[in-house]
Amino acid sequence: MVVLAVAALLSLLIYLVKVIDRRVTSVRDTLKAAAANTENTTLIKDTADGVEAVLAEGLQHHLFLGRVLGKVKS
């Protein structure tokens, strides 16, 4: 009876160690992925600046066309 209890406890312990090992591996992989995903955050500012430039240019064209069309209609 004692042998069965010890065997059951050891089996449970082995199972729990495997679960912990899998979860540690998962956390490690997640941390590596997070580090890789944040390596290029400097590109965000450059991209945003590019978008701002395109929007500003579009606004200038819009204003220009508005003035030209206003003069043509008059």
N, C-alpha and C. Protein backbone atom coordinates (compact mmCIF):
# COMPACT_ATOMS: atom_id res chain seq x y z
N MET A 1 0.83 -1.20 0.00
CA MET A 1 0.00 0.00 0.00
C MET A 1 0.87 1.26 0.00
N VAL A 2 1.90 1.28 0.81
CA VAL A 2 2.79 2.43 0.90
C VAL A 2 3.53 2.61 -0.43
N VAL A 3 3.89 1.50 -1.05
CA VAL A 3 4.61 1.56 -2.31
C VAL A 3 3.74 2.21 -3.38
N LEU A 4 2.45 1.88 -3.39
CA LEU A 4 1.53 2.48 -4.36
C LEU A 4 1.38 3.98 -4.11
N ALA A 5 1.32 4.38 -2.87
CA ALA A 5 1.19 5.80 -2.53
C ALA A 5 2.45 6.56 -2.97
N VAL A 6 3.62 5.97 -2.72
CA VAL A 6 4.87 6.61 -3.12
C VAL A 6 4.94 6.69 -4.64
N ALA A 7 4.55 5.64 -5.32
CA ALA A 7 4.57 5.64 -6.79
C ALA A 7 3.60 6.70 -7.34
N ALA A 8 2.45 6.82 -6.72
CA ALA A 8 1.48 7.82 -7.15
C ALA A 8 2.02 9.23 -6.93
N LEU A 9 2.62 9.46 -5.79
CA LEU A 9 3.18 10.77 -5.50
C LEU A 9 4.33 11.11 -6.45
N LEU A 10 5.16 10.14 -6.74
CA LEU A 10 6.26 10.37 -7.68
C LEU A 10 5.73 10.64 -9.09
N SER A 11 4.71 9.92 -9.47
CA SER A 11 4.10 10.15 -10.78
C SER A 11 3.50 11.55 -10.86
N LEU A 12 2.82 11.97 -9.79
CA LEU A 12 2.26 13.30 -9.74
C LEU A 12 3.36 14.36 -9.79
N LEU A 13 4.44 14.13 -9.07
CA LEU A 13 5.56 15.05 -9.06
C LEU A 13 6.18 15.17 -10.45
N ILE A 14 6.37 14.06 -11.11
CA ILE A 14 6.94 14.07 -12.46
C ILE A 14 6.01 14.82 -13.42
N TYR A 15 4.72 14.60 -13.29
CA TYR A 15 3.74 15.30 -14.14
C TYR A 15 3.82 16.81 -13.91
N LEU A 16 3.86 17.21 -12.63
CA LEU A 16 3.91 18.63 -12.31
C LEU A 16 5.21 19.28 -12.80
N VAL A 17 6.31 18.58 -12.71
CA VAL A 17 7.58 19.11 -13.21
C VAL A 17 7.52 19.31 -14.72
N LYS A 18 6.89 18.39 -15.43
CA LYS A 18 6.75 18.53 -16.89
C LYS A 18 5.86 19.75 -17.24
N VAL A 19 4.79 19.93 -16.47
CA VAL A 19 3.91 21.09 -16.70
C VAL A 19 4.67 22.38 -16.46
N ILE A 20 5.40 22.44 -15.36
CA ILE A 20 6.19 23.63 -15.04
C ILE A 20 7.22 23.89 -16.13
N ASP A 21 7.87 22.85 -16.60
CA ASP A 21 8.88 22.99 -17.64
C ASP A 21 8.27 23.55 -18.93
N ARG A 22 7.10 23.04 -19.31
CA ARG A 22 6.42 23.55 -20.51
C ARG A 22 6.06 25.02 -20.34
N ARG A 23 5.57 25.39 -19.17
CA ARG A 23 5.16 26.78 -18.95
C ARG A 23 6.36 27.71 -18.91
N VAL A 24 7.46 27.26 -18.33
CA VAL A 24 8.68 28.07 -18.32
C VAL A 24 9.17 28.29 -19.75
N THR A 25 9.12 27.25 -20.55
CA THR A 25 9.51 27.36 -21.95
C THR A 25 8.60 28.34 -22.69
N SER A 26 7.32 28.27 -22.41
CA SER A 26 6.36 29.18 -23.04
C SER A 26 6.64 30.63 -22.65
N VAL A 27 6.91 30.87 -21.38
CA VAL A 27 7.22 32.23 -20.91
C VAL A 27 8.51 32.72 -21.55
N ARG A 28 9.52 31.87 -21.63
CA ARG A 28 10.79 32.24 -22.24
C ARG A 28 10.60 32.62 -23.70
N ASP A 29 9.82 31.83 -24.43
CA ASP A 29 9.57 32.11 -25.84
C ASP A 29 8.80 33.43 -26.01
N THR A 30 7.85 33.67 -25.11
CA THR A 30 7.09 34.91 -25.16
C THR A 30 7.99 36.11 -24.91
N LEU A 31 8.89 36.00 -23.97
CA LEU A 31 9.81 37.10 -23.68
C LEU A 31 10.76 37.35 -24.85
N LYS A 32 11.21 36.28 -25.48
CA LYS A 32 12.06 36.45 -26.66
C LYS A 32 11.30 37.13 -27.79
N ALA A 33 10.05 36.74 -27.98
CA ALA A 33 9.22 37.34 -29.03
C ALA A 33 8.97 38.82 -28.72
N ALA A 34 8.74 39.14 -27.47
CA ALA A 34 8.52 40.53 -27.10
C ALA A 34 9.76 41.36 -27.38
N ALA A 35 10.92 40.82 -27.07
CA ALA A 35 12.16 41.54 -27.35
C ALA A 35 12.34 41.75 -28.85
N ALA A 36 12.03 40.73 -29.63
CA ALA A 36 12.16 40.85 -31.09
C ALA A 36 11.15 41.85 -31.65
N ASN A 37 9.95 41.88 -31.08
CA ASN A 37 8.92 42.80 -31.57
C ASN A 37 9.23 44.25 -31.26
N THR A 38 9.98 44.50 -30.20
CA THR A 38 10.26 45.88 -29.82
C THR A 38 11.59 46.38 -30.35
N GLU A 39 12.32 45.54 -31.09
CA GLU A 39 13.60 45.97 -31.64
C GLU A 39 13.44 47.11 -32.64
N ASN A 40 12.35 47.13 -33.36
CA ASN A 40 12.17 48.09 -34.44
C ASN A 40 11.22 49.23 -34.07
N THR A 41 11.08 49.53 -32.79
CA THR A 41 10.17 50.60 -32.40
C THR A 41 10.64 51.96 -32.90
N THR A 42 11.91 52.09 -33.20
CA THR A 42 12.39 53.37 -33.73
C THR A 42 11.78 53.67 -35.08
N LEU A 43 11.35 52.64 -35.78
CA LEU A 43 10.72 52.84 -37.10
C LEU A 43 9.35 53.49 -36.98
N ILE A 44 8.72 53.40 -35.81
CA ILE A 44 7.39 53.97 -35.65
C ILE A 44 7.43 55.48 -35.86
N LYS A 45 8.39 56.14 -35.26
CA LYS A 45 8.50 57.59 -35.40
C LYS A 45 8.76 57.98 -36.85
N ASP A 46 9.66 57.26 -37.50
CA ASP A 46 9.96 57.56 -38.90
C ASP A 46 8.72 57.38 -39.78
N THR A 47 7.98 56.33 -39.52
CA THR A 47 6.76 56.08 -40.31
C THR A 47 5.73 57.16 -40.03
N ALA A 48 5.56 57.52 -38.77
CA ALA A 48 4.60 58.57 -38.43
C ALA A 48 4.99 59.89 -39.07
N ASP A 49 6.28 60.21 -39.08
CA ASP A 49 6.73 61.45 -39.72
C ASP A 49 6.43 61.41 -41.22
N GLY A 50 6.61 60.26 -41.84
CA GLY A 50 6.30 60.11 -43.26
C GLY A 50 4.82 60.30 -43.54
N VAL A 51 3.98 59.75 -42.68
CA VAL A 51 2.54 59.90 -42.84
C VAL A 51 2.15 61.37 -42.67
N GLU A 52 2.74 62.02 -41.67
CA GLU A 52 2.46 63.45 -41.46
C GLU A 52 2.85 64.26 -42.69
N ALA A 53 3.98 63.94 -43.30
CA ALA A 53 4.43 64.66 -44.49
C ALA A 53 3.46 64.46 -45.65
N VAL A 54 2.99 63.25 -45.83
CA VAL A 54 2.03 62.96 -46.90
C VAL A 54 0.73 63.71 -46.66
N LEU A 55 0.26 63.71 -45.42
CA LEU A 55 -0.98 64.43 -45.10
C LEU A 55 -0.82 65.93 -45.32
N ALA A 56 0.32 66.48 -44.92
CA ALA A 56 0.57 67.91 -45.12
C ALA A 56 0.60 68.25 -46.60
N GLU A 57 1.23 67.41 -47.39
CA GLU A 57 1.29 67.64 -48.84
C GLU A 57 -0.11 67.56 -49.45
N GLY A 58 -0.88 66.60 -49.01
CA GLY A 58 -2.26 66.46 -49.49
C GLY A 58 -3.09 67.69 -49.14
N LEU A 59 -2.89 68.23 -47.94
CA LEU A 59 -3.61 69.43 -47.53
C LEU A 59 -3.21 70.62 -48.41
N GLN A 60 -1.93 70.73 -48.73
CA GLN A 60 -1.48 71.82 -49.60
C GLN A 60 -2.12 71.72 -50.98
N HIS A 61 -2.19 70.50 -51.52
CA HIS A 61 -2.83 70.30 -52.83
C HIS A 61 -4.31 70.66 -52.76
N HIS A 62 -4.95 70.26 -51.67
CA HIS A 62 -6.37 70.55 -51.48
C HIS A 62 -6.60 72.07 -51.45
N LEU A 63 -5.78 72.77 -50.68
CA LEU A 63 -5.92 74.23 -50.59
C LEU A 63 -5.66 74.89 -51.94
N PHE A 64 -4.64 74.41 -52.63
CA PHE A 64 -4.31 74.96 -53.95
C PHE A 64 -5.47 74.76 -54.92
N LEU A 65 -5.98 73.54 -54.98
CA LEU A 65 -7.09 73.26 -55.90
C LEU A 65 -8.32 74.07 -55.53
N GLY A 66 -8.55 74.26 -54.24
CA GLY A 66 -9.69 75.07 -53.82
C GLY A 66 -9.57 76.50 -54.29
N ARG A 67 -8.37 77.07 -54.24
CA ARG A 67 -8.17 78.44 -54.71
C ARG A 67 -8.29 78.51 -56.23
N VAL A 68 -7.69 77.56 -56.93
CA VAL A 68 -7.73 77.57 -58.39
C VAL A 68 -9.15 77.38 -58.88
N LEU A 69 -9.87 76.43 -58.31
CA LEU A 69 -11.25 76.19 -58.75
C LEU A 69 -12.13 77.39 -58.43
N GLY A 70 -11.86 78.03 -57.32
CA GLY A 70 -12.63 79.23 -56.98
C GLY A 70 -12.42 80.32 -58.01
N LYS A 71 -11.20 80.47 -58.49
CA LYS A 71 -10.91 81.50 -59.49
C LYS A 71 -11.49 81.11 -60.86
N VAL A 72 -11.48 79.84 -61.16
CA VAL A 72 -11.99 79.38 -62.46
C VAL A 72 -13.51 79.54 -62.51
N LYS A 73 -14.19 79.27 -61.43
CA LYS A 73 -15.65 79.39 -61.39
C LYS A 73 -16.08 80.85 -61.46
N SER A 74 -15.27 81.76 -60.96
CA SER A 74 -15.67 83.16 -60.90
C SER A 74 -15.64 83.84 -62.23
